[in-house]
């Protein structure tokens, strides 16, 4: 099974149409179904971890890249290190599938 990754640029989200805005504004709190969401009690917040604390399996490294490679990665916007990691991961998965 292939891993499908999507990247969303939170600084460049698609604009909502007027119809979507009206439907969104019409929703009232009482109309939202919370039945499948667990209640967040004091215990949850006491034991909660920041995403940065939870993230595991990454090692900080220093590596030399060609100037044009780094410029290209950065030209695509924020998150160039994550982007480089995703490219390397995809290459690794492709190599392993051969």
N, C-alpha and C. Protein backbone atom coordinates (compact mmCIF):
# COMPACT_ATOMS: atom_id res chain seq x y z
N UNK A 1 0.85 -1.18 0.00
CA UNK A 1 0.00 0.00 0.00
C UNK A 1 0.89 1.24 0.00
N UNK A 2 0.68 2.13 -0.92
CA UNK A 2 1.49 3.33 -1.05
C UNK A 2 1.07 4.38 -0.02
N UNK A 3 2.04 5.14 0.44
CA UNK A 3 1.76 6.25 1.33
C UNK A 3 1.45 7.46 0.47
N UNK A 4 0.33 8.10 0.76
CA UNK A 4 -0.07 9.30 0.02
C UNK A 4 0.09 10.48 0.96
N UNK A 5 0.85 11.45 0.52
CA UNK A 5 1.07 12.65 1.34
C UNK A 5 0.55 13.85 0.58
N UNK A 6 -0.10 14.73 1.30
CA UNK A 6 -0.59 15.98 0.72
C UNK A 6 -0.01 17.11 1.53
N UNK A 7 0.40 18.14 0.85
CA UNK A 7 0.94 19.30 1.54
C UNK A 7 -0.04 20.46 1.36
N UNK A 8 -0.38 21.10 2.46
CA UNK A 8 -1.31 22.23 2.42
C UNK A 8 -0.55 23.47 2.86
N UNK A 9 -0.59 24.50 2.05
CA UNK A 9 0.04 25.76 2.39
C UNK A 9 -0.98 26.59 3.16
N UNK A 10 -0.81 26.66 4.49
CA UNK A 10 -1.78 27.37 5.33
C UNK A 10 -1.79 28.87 5.06
N UNK A 11 -0.75 29.37 4.40
CA UNK A 11 -0.70 30.79 4.06
C UNK A 11 -1.36 31.07 2.72
N UNK A 12 -1.81 30.03 2.04
CA UNK A 12 -2.39 30.21 0.70
C UNK A 12 -3.58 29.27 0.51
N UNK A 13 -4.52 29.33 1.44
CA UNK A 13 -5.70 28.47 1.37
C UNK A 13 -6.65 28.97 0.29
N UNK A 14 -7.41 28.07 -0.34
CA UNK A 14 -8.38 28.53 -1.34
C UNK A 14 -9.45 29.39 -0.68
N UNK A 15 -9.92 30.38 -1.40
CA UNK A 15 -10.96 31.28 -0.89
C UNK A 15 -12.30 30.55 -0.82
N UNK A 16 -13.05 30.83 0.26
CA UNK A 16 -14.39 30.28 0.38
C UNK A 16 -15.33 31.04 -0.54
N UNK A 17 -16.24 30.31 -1.15
CA UNK A 17 -17.26 30.97 -1.97
C UNK A 17 -18.27 31.62 -1.04
N UNK A 18 -19.07 32.52 -1.58
CA UNK A 18 -20.11 33.17 -0.77
C UNK A 18 -21.08 32.13 -0.21
N UNK A 19 -21.41 31.13 -1.03
CA UNK A 19 -22.32 30.07 -0.57
C UNK A 19 -21.70 29.31 0.60
N UNK A 20 -20.41 28.99 0.51
CA UNK A 20 -19.73 28.27 1.60
C UNK A 20 -19.70 29.12 2.86
N UNK A 21 -19.44 30.41 2.72
CA UNK A 21 -19.43 31.31 3.88
C UNK A 21 -20.79 31.34 4.55
N UNK A 22 -21.86 31.42 3.75
CA UNK A 22 -23.21 31.47 4.31
C UNK A 22 -23.55 30.18 5.05
N UNK A 23 -23.19 29.03 4.44
CA UNK A 23 -23.46 27.74 5.11
C UNK A 23 -22.66 27.64 6.41
N UNK A 24 -21.41 28.08 6.38
CA UNK A 24 -20.56 28.03 7.56
C UNK A 24 -21.11 28.92 8.67
N UNK A 25 -21.49 30.14 8.31
CA UNK A 25 -22.03 31.08 9.29
C UNK A 25 -23.36 30.62 9.87
N UNK A 26 -24.11 29.82 9.13
CA UNK A 26 -25.42 29.35 9.58
C UNK A 26 -25.33 28.23 10.61
N UNK A 27 -24.18 27.58 10.72
CA UNK A 27 -24.03 26.47 11.68
C UNK A 27 -24.03 27.02 13.10
N UNK A 28 -24.86 26.43 13.94
CA UNK A 28 -24.91 26.81 15.35
C UNK A 28 -24.26 25.71 16.17
N UNK A 29 -23.73 26.08 17.33
CA UNK A 29 -23.05 25.10 18.19
C UNK A 29 -23.93 23.90 18.48
N UNK A 30 -25.23 24.13 18.67
CA UNK A 30 -26.13 23.02 19.02
C UNK A 30 -26.27 22.02 17.87
N UNK A 31 -25.93 22.44 16.65
CA UNK A 31 -26.05 21.56 15.48
C UNK A 31 -24.82 20.69 15.25
N UNK A 32 -23.76 20.92 16.01
CA UNK A 32 -22.52 20.17 15.82
C UNK A 32 -22.58 18.88 16.63
N UNK A 33 -22.30 17.76 15.99
CA UNK A 33 -22.33 16.45 16.64
C UNK A 33 -20.95 16.15 17.23
N UNK A 34 -20.86 16.18 18.55
CA UNK A 34 -19.61 15.91 19.25
C UNK A 34 -19.56 14.48 19.80
N UNK A 35 -20.49 13.63 19.41
CA UNK A 35 -20.62 12.31 20.03
C UNK A 35 -19.40 11.42 19.83
N UNK A 36 -18.66 11.63 18.75
CA UNK A 36 -17.50 10.77 18.51
C UNK A 36 -16.18 11.41 18.95
N UNK A 37 -16.28 12.51 19.70
CA UNK A 37 -15.08 13.20 20.18
C UNK A 37 -15.03 13.03 21.70
N UNK A 38 -13.94 12.48 22.23
CA UNK A 38 -13.87 12.32 23.69
C UNK A 38 -13.81 13.68 24.39
N UNK A 39 -14.40 13.72 25.56
CA UNK A 39 -14.37 14.95 26.34
C UNK A 39 -12.94 15.17 26.85
N UNK A 40 -12.48 16.40 26.78
CA UNK A 40 -11.13 16.72 27.25
C UNK A 40 -11.24 17.20 28.69
N UNK A 41 -10.83 16.32 29.61
CA UNK A 41 -10.92 16.65 31.02
C UNK A 41 -9.55 17.13 31.52
N UNK A 42 -9.47 17.42 32.82
CA UNK A 42 -8.23 17.92 33.41
C UNK A 42 -7.08 16.92 33.24
N UNK A 43 -7.39 15.63 33.32
CA UNK A 43 -6.36 14.61 33.16
C UNK A 43 -5.72 14.68 31.78
N UNK A 44 -6.55 14.90 30.76
CA UNK A 44 -6.02 15.02 29.40
C UNK A 44 -4.98 16.14 29.33
N UNK A 45 -5.34 17.32 29.84
CA UNK A 45 -4.43 18.46 29.73
C UNK A 45 -3.20 18.28 30.61
N UNK A 46 -3.33 17.56 31.71
CA UNK A 46 -2.18 17.30 32.58
C UNK A 46 -1.18 16.38 31.89
N UNK A 47 -1.68 15.41 31.12
CA UNK A 47 -0.81 14.42 30.47
C UNK A 47 -0.48 14.76 29.02
N UNK A 48 -1.08 15.83 28.50
CA UNK A 48 -0.87 16.19 27.09
C UNK A 48 0.59 16.55 26.83
N UNK A 49 1.03 16.25 25.63
CA UNK A 49 2.39 16.58 25.22
C UNK A 49 2.33 17.50 24.00
N UNK A 50 3.31 18.38 23.90
CA UNK A 50 3.43 19.19 22.71
C UNK A 50 3.83 18.30 21.55
N UNK A 51 3.43 18.66 20.36
CA UNK A 51 3.78 17.86 19.18
C UNK A 51 5.29 17.72 19.07
N UNK A 52 6.03 18.78 19.41
CA UNK A 52 7.49 18.71 19.31
C UNK A 52 8.07 17.70 20.30
N UNK A 53 7.40 17.48 21.43
CA UNK A 53 7.87 16.48 22.39
C UNK A 53 7.51 15.07 21.94
N UNK A 54 6.40 14.96 21.20
CA UNK A 54 5.90 13.66 20.78
C UNK A 54 6.67 13.13 19.58
N UNK A 55 7.13 14.04 18.73
CA UNK A 55 7.81 13.63 17.51
C UNK A 55 9.03 12.79 17.86
N UNK A 56 9.17 11.67 17.20
CA UNK A 56 10.30 10.80 17.49
C UNK A 56 10.86 10.28 16.18
N UNK A 57 12.03 9.73 16.27
CA UNK A 57 12.61 9.10 15.10
C UNK A 57 13.30 10.06 14.15
N UNK A 58 13.60 11.25 14.59
CA UNK A 58 14.33 12.19 13.75
C UNK A 58 15.65 12.53 14.43
N UNK A 59 16.68 12.66 13.63
CA UNK A 59 18.00 13.00 14.12
C UNK A 59 18.46 14.27 13.44
N UNK A 60 18.97 15.19 14.22
CA UNK A 60 19.51 16.43 13.65
C UNK A 60 20.84 16.10 12.99
N UNK A 61 20.98 16.51 11.74
CA UNK A 61 22.21 16.25 10.99
C UNK A 61 22.68 17.53 10.31
N UNK A 62 23.94 17.53 9.96
CA UNK A 62 24.49 18.59 9.13
C UNK A 62 24.93 17.94 7.84
N UNK A 63 24.48 18.47 6.71
CA UNK A 63 24.88 17.91 5.43
C UNK A 63 25.12 19.03 4.44
N UNK A 64 25.98 18.77 3.51
CA UNK A 64 26.30 19.77 2.49
C UNK A 64 25.45 19.50 1.26
N UNK A 65 24.77 20.55 0.79
CA UNK A 65 23.94 20.46 -0.40
C UNK A 65 24.48 21.45 -1.43
N UNK A 66 24.29 21.12 -2.69
CA UNK A 66 24.64 22.07 -3.74
C UNK A 66 23.80 23.34 -3.54
N UNK A 67 24.39 24.49 -3.83
CA UNK A 67 23.69 25.76 -3.65
C UNK A 67 22.37 25.80 -4.39
N UNK A 68 22.35 25.28 -5.62
CA UNK A 68 21.12 25.33 -6.40
C UNK A 68 20.04 24.41 -5.84
N UNK A 69 20.46 23.30 -5.23
CA UNK A 69 19.49 22.39 -4.61
C UNK A 69 18.84 23.08 -3.41
N UNK A 70 19.66 23.69 -2.56
CA UNK A 70 19.12 24.38 -1.39
C UNK A 70 18.24 25.56 -1.81
N UNK A 71 18.67 26.30 -2.82
CA UNK A 71 17.86 27.42 -3.31
C UNK A 71 16.50 26.94 -3.81
N UNK A 72 16.49 25.81 -4.51
CA UNK A 72 15.22 25.27 -5.02
C UNK A 72 14.31 24.85 -3.86
N UNK A 73 14.88 24.14 -2.87
CA UNK A 73 14.07 23.73 -1.72
C UNK A 73 13.46 24.94 -1.02
N UNK A 74 14.26 25.97 -0.81
CA UNK A 74 13.77 27.17 -0.12
C UNK A 74 12.79 27.96 -0.98
N UNK A 75 12.93 27.89 -2.30
CA UNK A 75 12.05 28.66 -3.19
C UNK A 75 10.60 28.18 -3.13
N UNK A 76 10.39 26.99 -2.62
CA UNK A 76 9.04 26.43 -2.55
C UNK A 76 8.29 26.89 -1.31
N UNK A 77 8.94 27.71 -0.47
CA UNK A 77 8.26 28.25 0.71
C UNK A 77 8.78 27.63 1.99
N UNK A 78 8.07 27.94 3.06
CA UNK A 78 8.47 27.46 4.38
C UNK A 78 8.49 25.94 4.41
N UNK A 79 9.33 25.39 5.30
CA UNK A 79 9.38 23.95 5.48
C UNK A 79 10.34 23.25 4.55
N UNK A 80 11.42 23.91 4.18
CA UNK A 80 12.33 23.29 3.21
C UNK A 80 13.00 22.04 3.77
N UNK A 81 13.25 22.00 5.09
CA UNK A 81 13.87 20.81 5.67
C UNK A 81 12.90 19.63 5.64
N UNK A 82 11.64 19.89 5.96
CA UNK A 82 10.62 18.85 5.87
C UNK A 82 10.47 18.38 4.44
N UNK A 83 10.50 19.32 3.50
CA UNK A 83 10.40 18.98 2.08
C UNK A 83 11.56 18.08 1.67
N UNK A 84 12.77 18.42 2.09
CA UNK A 84 13.95 17.60 1.77
C UNK A 84 13.78 16.20 2.36
N UNK A 85 13.27 16.12 3.58
CA UNK A 85 13.05 14.82 4.22
C UNK A 85 12.03 14.00 3.44
N UNK A 86 10.95 14.64 2.96
CA UNK A 86 9.92 13.93 2.20
C UNK A 86 10.48 13.42 0.87
N UNK A 87 11.33 14.21 0.23
CA UNK A 87 11.95 13.79 -1.03
C UNK A 87 12.85 12.58 -0.79
N UNK A 88 13.65 12.64 0.27
CA UNK A 88 14.53 11.51 0.59
C UNK A 88 13.72 10.27 0.96
N UNK A 89 12.63 10.46 1.72
CA UNK A 89 11.77 9.33 2.09
C UNK A 89 11.15 8.69 0.86
N UNK A 90 10.67 9.51 -0.07
CA UNK A 90 10.08 8.98 -1.31
C UNK A 90 11.12 8.21 -2.12
N UNK A 91 12.34 8.73 -2.19
CA UNK A 91 13.41 8.04 -2.92
C UNK A 91 13.74 6.71 -2.25
N UNK A 92 13.75 6.70 -0.92
CA UNK A 92 14.03 5.47 -0.17
C UNK A 92 12.93 4.44 -0.44
N UNK A 93 11.66 4.86 -0.38
CA UNK A 93 10.56 3.93 -0.61
C UNK A 93 10.57 3.41 -2.04
N UNK A 94 10.89 4.27 -2.99
CA UNK A 94 10.97 3.84 -4.39
C UNK A 94 12.09 2.82 -4.56
N UNK A 95 13.22 3.08 -3.94
CA UNK A 95 14.37 2.17 -4.04
C UNK A 95 14.04 0.82 -3.42
N UNK A 96 13.34 0.85 -2.29
CA UNK A 96 12.98 -0.41 -1.61
C UNK A 96 11.96 -1.22 -2.39
N UNK A 97 11.16 -0.54 -3.22
CA UNK A 97 10.13 -1.25 -3.97
C UNK A 97 10.67 -1.88 -5.25
N UNK A 98 11.88 -1.57 -5.60
CA UNK A 98 12.50 -2.09 -6.83
C UNK A 98 12.94 -3.53 -6.64
